[in-house]
N, C-alpha and C. Protein backbone atom coordinates (compact mmCIF):
# COMPACT_ATOMS: atom_id res chain seq x y z
N MET A 1 -113.17 282.80 26.03
CA MET A 1 -112.03 281.60 26.04
C MET A 1 -112.15 281.27 24.67
N LYS A 2 -113.61 280.70 24.85
CA LYS A 2 -113.70 279.13 23.56
C LYS A 2 -113.31 280.20 22.14
N ASP A 3 -114.71 281.66 22.30
CA ASP A 3 -114.38 282.22 21.08
C ASP A 3 -113.59 282.57 21.21
N ALA A 4 -112.26 282.96 21.27
CA ALA A 4 -110.67 283.70 21.08
C ALA A 4 -109.86 282.03 20.41
N MET A 5 -110.21 281.53 21.13
CA MET A 5 -110.10 280.35 20.44
C MET A 5 -109.87 279.17 19.35
N HIS A 6 -111.40 279.59 19.46
CA HIS A 6 -112.09 279.34 17.69
C HIS A 6 -111.80 280.19 16.59
N LYS A 7 -111.64 281.06 17.17
CA LYS A 7 -110.97 282.69 15.99
C LYS A 7 -109.62 282.25 15.48
N LEU A 8 -108.87 282.07 16.61
CA LEU A 8 -107.29 281.69 16.26
C LEU A 8 -107.26 280.50 15.48
N SER A 9 -107.45 279.50 16.09
CA SER A 9 -107.37 278.25 15.56
C SER A 9 -107.81 278.32 13.58
N SER A 10 -109.15 278.97 13.84
CA SER A 10 -109.48 278.94 12.27
C SER A 10 -108.61 279.71 11.46
N SER A 11 -108.58 280.91 11.76
CA SER A 11 -107.17 281.80 11.57
C SER A 11 -106.10 280.83 10.86
N LEU A 12 -105.81 280.37 11.97
CA LEU A 12 -103.75 279.40 11.66
C LEU A 12 -104.13 278.64 10.52
N VAL A 13 -105.57 277.68 11.37
CA VAL A 13 -105.41 276.67 9.90
C VAL A 13 -105.40 277.77 7.98
N LYS A 14 -106.30 278.37 8.27
CA LYS A 14 -106.49 279.01 6.77
C LYS A 14 -105.34 279.91 6.47
N ASP A 15 -104.33 280.47 7.09
CA ASP A 15 -103.23 281.19 6.81
C ASP A 15 -101.97 279.75 6.46
N ASN A 16 -101.93 278.91 7.24
CA ASN A 16 -101.03 277.99 6.89
C ASN A 16 -101.86 276.23 5.98
N PRO A 17 -102.59 276.52 4.22
CA PRO A 17 -103.34 275.72 4.22
C PRO A 17 -102.54 274.06 4.42
N ASP A 18 -101.08 274.42 3.22
CA ASP A 18 -100.26 273.51 3.58
C ASP A 18 -99.68 273.11 4.97
N ALA A 19 -99.93 273.92 5.75
CA ALA A 19 -98.88 273.22 6.92
C ALA A 19 -99.33 271.72 7.15
N SER A 20 -98.50 271.57 8.16
CA SER A 20 -98.53 269.92 9.39
C SER A 20 -98.28 270.63 10.61
N PHE A 21 -99.46 270.43 11.87
CA PHE A 21 -99.09 270.82 12.94
C PHE A 21 -98.32 269.73 13.91
N VAL A 22 -97.20 270.80 14.88
CA VAL A 22 -96.87 269.06 15.94
C VAL A 22 -97.14 270.18 16.78
N PHE A 23 -97.92 269.44 17.85
CA PHE A 23 -98.17 269.58 19.39
C PHE A 23 -97.49 268.59 20.01
N GLU A 24 -97.29 269.27 21.70
CA GLU A 24 -96.92 268.15 22.35
C GLU A 24 -98.20 267.44 22.59
N ASP A 25 -97.82 265.90 23.42
CA ASP A 25 -98.60 265.14 23.72
C ASP A 25 -99.09 265.46 25.26
N LEU A 26 -100.45 265.59 25.42
CA LEU A 26 -100.42 266.50 26.67
C LEU A 26 -101.39 265.56 27.83
N LYS A 27 -101.69 263.90 27.37
CA LYS A 27 -102.40 262.79 27.58
C LYS A 27 -101.04 262.73 29.53
N GLY A 28 -102.06 262.75 30.14
CA GLY A 28 -101.64 262.65 31.91
C GLY A 28 -100.82 263.95 32.11
N ILE A 29 -101.26 265.21 31.70
CA ILE A 29 -100.54 265.96 32.56
C ILE A 29 -100.97 266.49 33.62
N LYS A 30 -102.96 265.95 33.71
CA LYS A 30 -103.11 266.38 35.14
C LYS A 30 -102.82 265.15 36.50
N LYS A 31 -102.38 263.89 35.62
CA LYS A 31 -101.83 262.98 36.83
C LYS A 31 -100.57 263.89 37.53
N SER A 32 -99.81 264.24 36.34
CA SER A 32 -98.29 264.98 36.81
C SER A 32 -98.57 266.21 38.03
N GLY A 33 -99.96 266.62 38.19
CA GLY A 33 -100.12 267.70 38.89
C GLY A 33 -100.68 267.48 40.45
N ASN A 34 -101.19 266.05 40.73
CA ASN A 34 -101.30 265.62 41.84
C ASN A 34 -100.51 265.77 43.21
N ASP A 35 -99.62 265.65 42.92
CA ASP A 35 -98.39 266.38 43.75
C ASP A 35 -97.73 267.33 44.71
N LYS A 36 -98.50 268.64 43.46
CA LYS A 36 -98.70 269.72 43.38
C LYS A 36 -99.71 270.93 44.03
N GLY A 37 -100.33 270.13 44.77
CA GLY A 37 -101.07 270.86 45.82
C GLY A 37 -102.38 271.05 45.15
N LYS A 38 -103.37 271.63 46.23
CA LYS A 38 -105.04 271.89 45.27
C LYS A 38 -104.91 273.29 44.69
N LYS A 39 -104.05 274.46 45.07
CA LYS A 39 -104.28 275.17 43.82
C LYS A 39 -103.27 275.08 42.10
N PHE A 40 -102.66 274.46 43.03
CA PHE A 40 -102.17 274.02 40.91
C PHE A 40 -103.29 272.95 40.31
N ARG A 41 -103.59 272.20 41.19
CA ARG A 41 -104.64 271.20 40.76
C ARG A 41 -106.22 271.59 39.86
N THR A 42 -106.27 273.09 41.00
CA THR A 42 -107.36 274.26 40.34
C THR A 42 -107.43 274.63 39.23
N TYR A 43 -105.50 274.94 38.66
CA TYR A 43 -105.20 275.87 37.99
C TYR A 43 -105.10 274.66 36.97
N LEU A 44 -105.18 273.81 36.60
CA LEU A 44 -104.88 272.52 35.67
C LEU A 44 -106.48 272.58 34.91
N ASN A 45 -107.31 271.93 36.01
CA ASN A 45 -108.24 271.84 35.83
C ASN A 45 -109.32 273.19 35.27
N ARG A 46 -108.92 274.33 35.42
CA ARG A 46 -109.31 275.32 34.77
C ARG A 46 -108.85 275.80 33.02
N TRP A 47 -107.36 275.21 32.99
CA TRP A 47 -106.87 275.18 31.56
C TRP A 47 -107.50 274.47 31.08
N PRO A 48 -107.82 275.13 29.39
CA PRO A 48 -108.20 274.38 28.60
C PRO A 48 -107.08 273.75 27.31
N TYR A 49 -106.43 272.74 28.04
CA TYR A 49 -104.75 272.12 27.72
C TYR A 49 -105.37 271.88 26.70
N SER A 50 -106.59 271.14 26.42
CA SER A 50 -106.00 270.34 25.01
C SER A 50 -107.62 270.32 23.97
N GLU A 51 -108.18 271.78 24.44
CA GLU A 51 -109.20 272.18 23.73
C GLU A 51 -109.05 273.07 22.69
N PHE A 52 -107.62 273.58 22.24
CA PHE A 52 -106.96 273.85 21.43
C PHE A 52 -106.80 273.22 20.38
N GLN A 53 -105.67 272.00 20.75
CA GLN A 53 -105.36 271.41 19.98
C GLN A 53 -106.41 270.45 19.13
N LYS A 54 -107.75 270.07 19.43
CA LYS A 54 -108.59 269.28 19.02
C LYS A 54 -109.18 270.55 18.08
N MET A 55 -109.22 271.74 18.30
CA MET A 55 -109.80 272.41 17.26
C MET A 55 -109.35 272.41 16.03
N VAL A 56 -107.38 272.90 15.90
CA VAL A 56 -107.19 272.45 15.23
C VAL A 56 -107.13 271.89 14.45
N GLU A 57 -106.87 270.77 15.21
CA GLU A 57 -106.88 268.84 14.56
C GLU A 57 -108.82 268.71 13.92
N TYR A 58 -109.69 269.16 14.15
CA TYR A 58 -110.92 269.04 13.55
C TYR A 58 -110.93 270.16 12.17
N LYS A 59 -110.00 271.01 11.85
CA LYS A 59 -109.73 272.19 11.16
C LYS A 59 -109.33 272.09 10.16
N CYS A 60 -108.16 271.01 10.24
CA CYS A 60 -106.97 271.06 9.15
C CYS A 60 -106.97 269.48 8.38
N LYS A 61 -107.35 269.70 7.43
CA LYS A 61 -107.30 268.87 6.24
C LYS A 61 -105.57 267.51 6.84
N ARG A 62 -104.31 268.10 7.36
CA ARG A 62 -103.62 267.06 6.99
C ARG A 62 -103.30 266.67 8.59
N LYS A 63 -102.36 265.96 8.63
CA LYS A 63 -102.40 264.73 9.73
C LYS A 63 -101.40 265.56 11.01
N ILE A 64 -102.34 265.48 12.01
CA ILE A 64 -101.61 266.52 13.15
C ILE A 64 -100.52 265.61 14.00
N LEU A 65 -99.34 266.11 14.13
CA LEU A 65 -98.09 265.10 14.97
C LEU A 65 -98.55 265.70 16.39
N TYR A 66 -98.30 264.34 17.21
CA TYR A 66 -98.25 264.53 18.69
C TYR A 66 -96.86 263.74 19.17
N ILE A 67 -96.15 264.70 19.79
CA ILE A 67 -94.74 263.92 20.32
C ILE A 67 -94.18 264.62 21.65
N ASN A 68 -93.99 263.53 22.35
CA ASN A 68 -93.46 263.40 23.83
C ASN A 68 -92.90 263.95 23.86
N PRO A 69 -92.59 265.22 24.72
CA PRO A 69 -91.81 266.51 24.87
C PRO A 69 -90.50 266.52 25.39
N ARG A 70 -90.73 265.28 26.26
CA ARG A 70 -89.11 265.29 26.88
C ARG A 70 -88.25 264.89 25.91
N GLY A 71 -87.07 266.00 26.40
CA GLY A 71 -85.81 266.15 25.97
C GLY A 71 -85.90 267.15 24.60
N THR A 72 -87.23 267.38 24.08
CA THR A 72 -87.27 268.53 22.63
C THR A 72 -86.65 269.88 23.32
N SER A 73 -86.28 270.59 24.25
CA SER A 73 -85.65 271.35 24.55
C SER A 73 -83.85 271.32 24.33
N SER A 74 -83.44 270.30 24.77
CA SER A 74 -82.22 270.19 24.13
C SER A 74 -81.39 269.83 22.89
N GLU A 75 -82.58 269.69 22.43
CA GLU A 75 -81.81 268.77 20.60
C GLU A 75 -82.48 269.36 19.71
N CYS A 76 -81.27 270.21 19.14
CA CYS A 76 -81.44 270.81 17.77
C CYS A 76 -82.75 270.31 17.16
N PRO A 77 -83.32 271.14 16.26
CA PRO A 77 -84.32 270.67 15.94
C PRO A 77 -84.08 270.60 14.07
N VAL A 78 -82.76 271.12 13.83
CA VAL A 78 -82.21 270.96 12.53
C VAL A 78 -81.34 269.74 11.90
N CYS A 79 -80.88 269.58 13.16
CA CYS A 79 -79.50 268.28 12.90
C CYS A 79 -79.97 267.51 14.22
N GLY A 80 -80.22 267.81 14.92
CA GLY A 80 -80.73 266.75 16.25
C GLY A 80 -79.58 266.67 17.41
N GLY A 81 -78.40 267.60 16.89
CA GLY A 81 -77.16 267.17 17.93
C GLY A 81 -77.77 268.59 19.28
N LYS A 82 -76.93 268.21 20.21
CA LYS A 82 -77.21 268.56 21.72
C LYS A 82 -76.94 270.58 21.68
N LEU A 83 -77.94 270.82 21.90
CA LEU A 83 -78.21 272.31 22.71
C LEU A 83 -77.27 272.99 23.48
N LYS A 84 -77.12 274.22 23.63
CA LYS A 84 -76.32 274.50 24.79
C LYS A 84 -76.80 275.94 25.06
N HIS A 85 -77.17 276.23 26.20
CA HIS A 85 -78.20 276.69 26.97
C HIS A 85 -77.69 277.95 27.92
N PRO A 86 -77.35 278.82 27.65
CA PRO A 86 -76.46 279.79 28.43
C PRO A 86 -77.40 280.66 28.90
N LYS A 87 -77.34 281.53 30.26
CA LYS A 87 -78.07 282.21 30.81
C LYS A 87 -78.62 283.30 29.89
N TRP A 88 -79.59 283.96 29.76
CA TRP A 88 -80.89 284.81 29.25
C TRP A 88 -80.17 284.70 27.98
N LYS A 89 -79.60 284.14 27.37
CA LYS A 89 -79.09 284.19 25.41
C LYS A 89 -80.38 282.65 25.06
N ARG A 90 -80.22 282.96 23.48
CA ARG A 90 -80.57 282.21 22.89
C ARG A 90 -79.98 280.58 23.04
N ALA A 91 -80.57 279.77 22.81
CA ALA A 91 -79.79 278.60 22.89
C ALA A 91 -79.03 278.34 21.71
N ARG A 92 -77.99 277.57 21.04
CA ARG A 92 -76.78 277.46 19.78
C ARG A 92 -76.82 275.94 20.14
N CYS A 93 -76.76 275.66 18.89
CA CYS A 93 -76.36 274.28 18.56
C CYS A 93 -75.20 274.56 18.28
N LYS A 94 -74.04 272.63 19.31
CA LYS A 94 -72.68 272.86 18.79
C LYS A 94 -72.33 272.70 17.76
N THR A 95 -73.00 271.35 16.78
CA THR A 95 -73.12 270.87 15.89
C THR A 95 -73.20 271.56 14.70
N CYS A 96 -74.45 272.45 14.59
CA CYS A 96 -75.30 273.26 13.06
C CYS A 96 -74.62 274.92 13.39
N ASP A 97 -74.22 275.08 14.67
CA ASP A 97 -74.32 276.53 14.85
C ASP A 97 -75.61 277.35 14.68
N GLN A 98 -76.56 276.73 14.64
CA GLN A 98 -78.06 277.36 14.64
C GLN A 98 -78.73 277.61 15.93
N ASP A 99 -79.48 279.08 15.64
CA ASP A 99 -80.33 279.31 16.75
C ASP A 99 -81.21 278.79 16.94
């Protein structure tokens, strides 16, 4: 798993040398799983949740942004307007009509 993540992060940074990467801020994710049972906690402990982000961070020369994911699925990335989420379809912005 580690080898695959190293190769993927290297190719990602190499193929996008001028890109700034944006990741979810995953601090406290293990704490949020405490009330969901032993099976879920075991899953979270095995998941390399921040390892890939750290690999990209030390390989990339540009700044890495970490954002709070709260509300991001309901906000348009283009104009900041409210997204409409119909069932089984792409979300569309009410303001700028982007997917």
